[in-house]
Amino acid sequence: MIADIVTAILVLSGSLLALTAAIGIVRFPDTLTRMHAATKPQTLGLLLCLGGSAARMTHSADVWMLLLAGLFALLTAPVVAHRVGRVAYQEQRLRDSLIAPDEMETGEHD
């Protein structure tokens, strides 16, 4: 009974976060804000859904697979976001008002 409630709360909250991330990707005006919507709430939503699923699993091998899927998402989302940000910067597809000092141009951060 309590496991069902915990599972429902985790899966529903994770689904809501994933939905808000999808809406943000569609609605936000530029690359940096879309990149934020694609990584942070979507990854947390996935982890909540995986946690809710793991609460109902009976075999430990299934839980380990869910844990590996969550770990993979945590490792790859920041790398993809960084690469998208770098490409957007190199292609000059950013709004000037979003980046005050241009640290990449001065060579401080390579």
C-alpha atoms as a PDB file:
ATOM      1  CA  MET A   1       0.000   0.000   0.000  1.00  0.00           C
ATOM      2  CA  ILE A   2       2.678   2.539   0.976  1.00  0.00           C
ATOM      3  CA  ALA A   3       4.939   1.358  -1.854  1.00  0.00           C
ATOM      4  CA  ASP A   4       2.099   2.040  -4.289  1.00  0.00           C
ATOM      5  CA  ILE A   5       1.685   5.583  -2.994  1.00  0.00           C
ATOM      6  CA  VAL A   6       5.431   6.270  -3.140  1.00  0.00           C
ATOM      7  CA  THR A   7       5.608   4.847  -6.650  1.00  0.00           C
ATOM      8  CA  ALA A   8       2.653   6.935  -7.810  1.00  0.00           C
ATOM      9  CA  ILE A   9       4.099  10.136  -6.348  1.00  0.00           C
ATOM     10  CA  LEU A  10       7.543   9.551  -7.854  1.00  0.00           C
ATOM     11  CA  VAL A  11       6.283   8.595 -11.303  1.00  0.00           C
ATOM     12  CA  LEU A  12       3.740  11.417 -11.476  1.00  0.00           C
ATOM     13  CA  SER A  13       6.193  14.065 -10.318  1.00  0.00           C
ATOM     14  CA  GLY A  14       8.836  12.754 -12.722  1.00  0.00           C
ATOM     15  CA  SER A  15       6.325  12.801 -15.557  1.00  0.00           C
ATOM     16  CA  LEU A  16       5.353  16.382 -14.739  1.00  0.00           C
ATOM     17  CA  LEU A  17       8.991  17.455 -14.766  1.00  0.00           C
ATOM     18  CA  ALA A  18       9.556  15.738 -18.109  1.00  0.00           C
ATOM     19  CA  LEU A  19       6.440  17.444 -19.467  1.00  0.00           C
ATOM     20  CA  THR A  20       7.627  20.866 -18.339  1.00  0.00           C
ATOM     21  CA  ALA A  21      11.007  20.163 -19.945  1.00  0.00           C
ATOM     22  CA  ALA A  22       9.313  19.304 -23.243  1.00  0.00           C
ATOM     23  CA  ILE A  23       7.188  22.443 -23.097  1.00  0.00           C
ATOM     24  CA  GLY A  24      10.300  24.480 -22.320  1.00  0.00           C
ATOM     25  CA  ILE A  25      12.147  23.078 -25.319  1.00  0.00           C
ATOM     26  CA  VAL A  26       9.282  24.078 -27.583  1.00  0.00           C
ATOM     27  CA  ARG A  27       8.539  27.471 -26.021  1.00  0.00           C
ATOM     28  CA  PHE A  28      11.925  28.939 -25.076  1.00  0.00           C
ATOM     29  CA  PRO A  29      13.367  31.387 -27.613  1.00  0.00           C
ATOM     30  CA  ASP A  30      17.060  30.527 -27.837  1.00  0.00           C
ATOM     31  CA  THR A  31      19.600  27.747 -27.569  1.00  0.00           C
ATOM     32  CA  LEU A  32      20.836  28.333 -24.021  1.00  0.00           C
ATOM     33  CA  THR A  33      17.411  28.362 -22.422  1.00  0.00           C
ATOM     34  CA  ARG A  34      16.334  25.338 -24.447  1.00  0.00           C
ATOM     35  CA  MET A  35      19.506  23.558 -23.402  1.00  0.00           C
ATOM     36  CA  HIS A  36      18.683  24.251 -19.750  1.00  0.00           C
ATOM     37  CA  ALA A  37      15.164  22.877 -20.198  1.00  0.00           C
ATOM     38  CA  ALA A  38      16.487  19.810 -21.968  1.00  0.00           C
ATOM     39  CA  THR A  39      18.964  18.843 -19.259  1.00  0.00           C
ATOM     40  CA  LYS A  40      17.976  19.799 -15.742  1.00  0.00           C
ATOM     41  CA  PRO A  41      14.231  19.088 -15.322  1.00  0.00           C
ATOM     42  CA  GLN A  42      14.257  16.271 -17.857  1.00  0.00           C
ATOM     43  CA  THR A  43      17.076  14.430 -16.083  1.00  0.00           C
ATOM     44  CA  LEU A  44      15.481  14.867 -12.671  1.00  0.00           C
ATOM     45  CA  GLY A  45      12.129  13.731 -14.094  1.00  0.00           C
ATOM     46  CA  LEU A  46      13.756  10.618 -15.520  1.00  0.00           C
ATOM     47  CA  LEU A  47      15.439   9.848 -12.209  1.00  0.00           C
ATOM     48  CA  LEU A  48      12.150  10.229 -10.337  1.00  0.00           C
ATOM     49  CA  CYS A  49      10.382   7.903 -12.786  1.00  0.00           C
ATOM     50  CA  LEU A  50      13.195   5.364 -12.488  1.00  0.00           C
ATOM     51  CA  GLY A  51      13.057   5.622  -8.695  1.00  0.00           C
ATOM     52  CA  GLY A  52       9.318   5.017  -8.747  1.00  0.00           C
ATOM     53  CA  SER A  53       9.793   2.020 -10.994  1.00  0.00           C
ATOM     54  CA  ALA A  54      12.567   0.650  -8.799  1.00  0.00           C
ATOM     55  CA  ALA A  55      10.285   0.835  -5.766  1.00  0.00           C
ATOM     56  CA  ARG A  56       8.008  -1.735  -7.410  1.00  0.00           C
ATOM     57  CA  MET A  57      10.692  -4.060  -8.778  1.00  0.00           C
ATOM     58  CA  THR A  58      11.158  -7.404  -7.087  1.00  0.00           C
ATOM     59  CA  HIS A  59      14.368  -8.620  -8.744  1.00  0.00           C
ATOM     60  CA  SER A  60      17.609  -6.914  -7.855  1.00  0.00           C
ATOM     61  CA  ALA A  61      18.920  -7.266 -11.429  1.00  0.00           C
ATOM     62  CA  ASP A  62      16.064  -5.075 -12.676  1.00  0.00           C
ATOM     63  CA  VAL A  63      16.818  -2.428 -10.062  1.00  0.00           C
ATOM     64  CA  TRP A  64      20.477  -2.448 -11.063  1.00  0.00           C
ATOM     65  CA  MET A  65      19.492  -1.898 -14.698  1.00  0.00           C
ATOM     66  CA  LEU A  66      17.381   1.085 -13.683  1.00  0.00           C
ATOM     67  CA  LEU A  67      20.260   2.404 -11.613  1.00  0.00           C
ATOM     68  CA  LEU A  68      22.611   2.077 -14.600  1.00  0.00           C
ATOM     69  CA  ALA A  69      20.124   3.897 -16.844  1.00  0.00           C
ATOM     70  CA  GLY A  70      19.898   6.751 -14.323  1.00  0.00           C
ATOM     71  CA  LEU A  71      23.662   6.909 -13.957  1.00  0.00           C
ATOM     72  CA  PHE A  72      24.071   6.998 -17.723  1.00  0.00           C
ATOM     73  CA  ALA A  73      21.627   9.916 -17.933  1.00  0.00           C
ATOM     74  CA  LEU A  74      23.488  11.783 -15.189  1.00  0.00           C
ATOM     75  CA  LEU A  75      26.809  11.294 -16.956  1.00  0.00           C
ATOM     76  CA  THR A  76      25.733  12.152 -20.487  1.00  0.00           C
ATOM     77  CA  ALA A  77      23.339  15.097 -19.986  1.00  0.00           C
ATOM     78  CA  PRO A  78      26.010  17.608 -18.844  1.00  0.00           C
ATOM     79  CA  VAL A  79      28.386  16.536 -21.606  1.00  0.00           C
ATOM     80  CA  VAL A  80      25.740  16.968 -24.288  1.00  0.00           C
ATOM     81  CA  ALA A  81      24.673  20.327 -22.851  1.00  0.00           C
ATOM     82  CA  HIS A  82      28.274  21.523 -22.844  1.00  0.00           C
ATOM     83  CA  ARG A  83      28.798  20.499 -26.452  1.00  0.00           C
ATOM     84  CA  VAL A  84      25.549  22.127 -27.570  1.00  0.00           C
ATOM     85  CA  GLY A  85      26.547  25.330 -25.784  1.00  0.00           C
ATOM     86  CA  ARG A  86      29.975  25.344 -27.398  1.00  0.00           C
ATOM     87  CA  VAL A  87      28.564  24.775 -30.880  1.00  0.00           C
ATOM     88  CA  ALA A  88      25.958  27.494 -30.362  1.00  0.00           C
ATOM     89  CA  TYR A  89      28.720  29.861 -29.283  1.00  0.00           C
ATOM     90  CA  GLN A  90      30.972  28.958 -32.199  1.00  0.00           C
ATOM     91  CA  GLU A  91      28.125  29.389 -34.676  1.00  0.00           C
ATOM     92  CA  GLN A  92      27.254  32.718 -32.977  1.00  0.00           C
ATOM     93  CA  ARG A  93      23.654  31.717 -32.370  1.00  0.00           C
ATOM     94  CA  LEU A  94      23.393  33.298 -28.917  1.00  0.00           C
ATOM     95  CA  ARG A  95      21.652  36.469 -27.834  1.00  0.00           C
ATOM     96  CA  ASP A  96      24.204  39.089 -26.845  1.00  0.00           C
ATOM     97  CA  SER A  97      22.253  39.969 -23.710  1.00  0.00           C
ATOM     98  CA  LEU A  98      22.770  36.457 -22.281  1.00  0.00           C
ATOM     99  CA  ILE A  99      26.563  36.642 -22.153  1.00  0.00           C
ATOM    100  CA  ALA A 100      27.884  39.786 -20.496  1.00  0.00           C
ATOM    101  CA  PRO A 101      31.674  39.280 -20.593  1.00  0.00           C
ATOM    102  CA  ASP A 102      32.934  37.194 -23.486  1.00  0.00           C
ATOM    103  CA  GLU A 103      35.386  34.977 -21.613  1.00  0.00           C
ATOM    104  CA  MET A 104      35.755  32.556 -24.488  1.00  0.00           C
ATOM    105  CA  GLU A 105      37.027  35.254 -26.810  1.00  0.00           C
ATOM    106  CA  THR A 106      39.780  36.352 -24.423  1.00  0.00           C
ATOM    107  CA  GLY A 107      41.023  32.782 -24.062  1.00  0.00           C
ATOM    108  CA  GLU A 108      40.521  32.553 -20.290  1.00  0.00           C
ATOM    109  CA  HIS A 109      38.476  29.334 -20.539  1.00  0.00           C
ATOM    110  CA  ASP A 110      39.468  26.856 -23.260  1.00  0.00           C
END
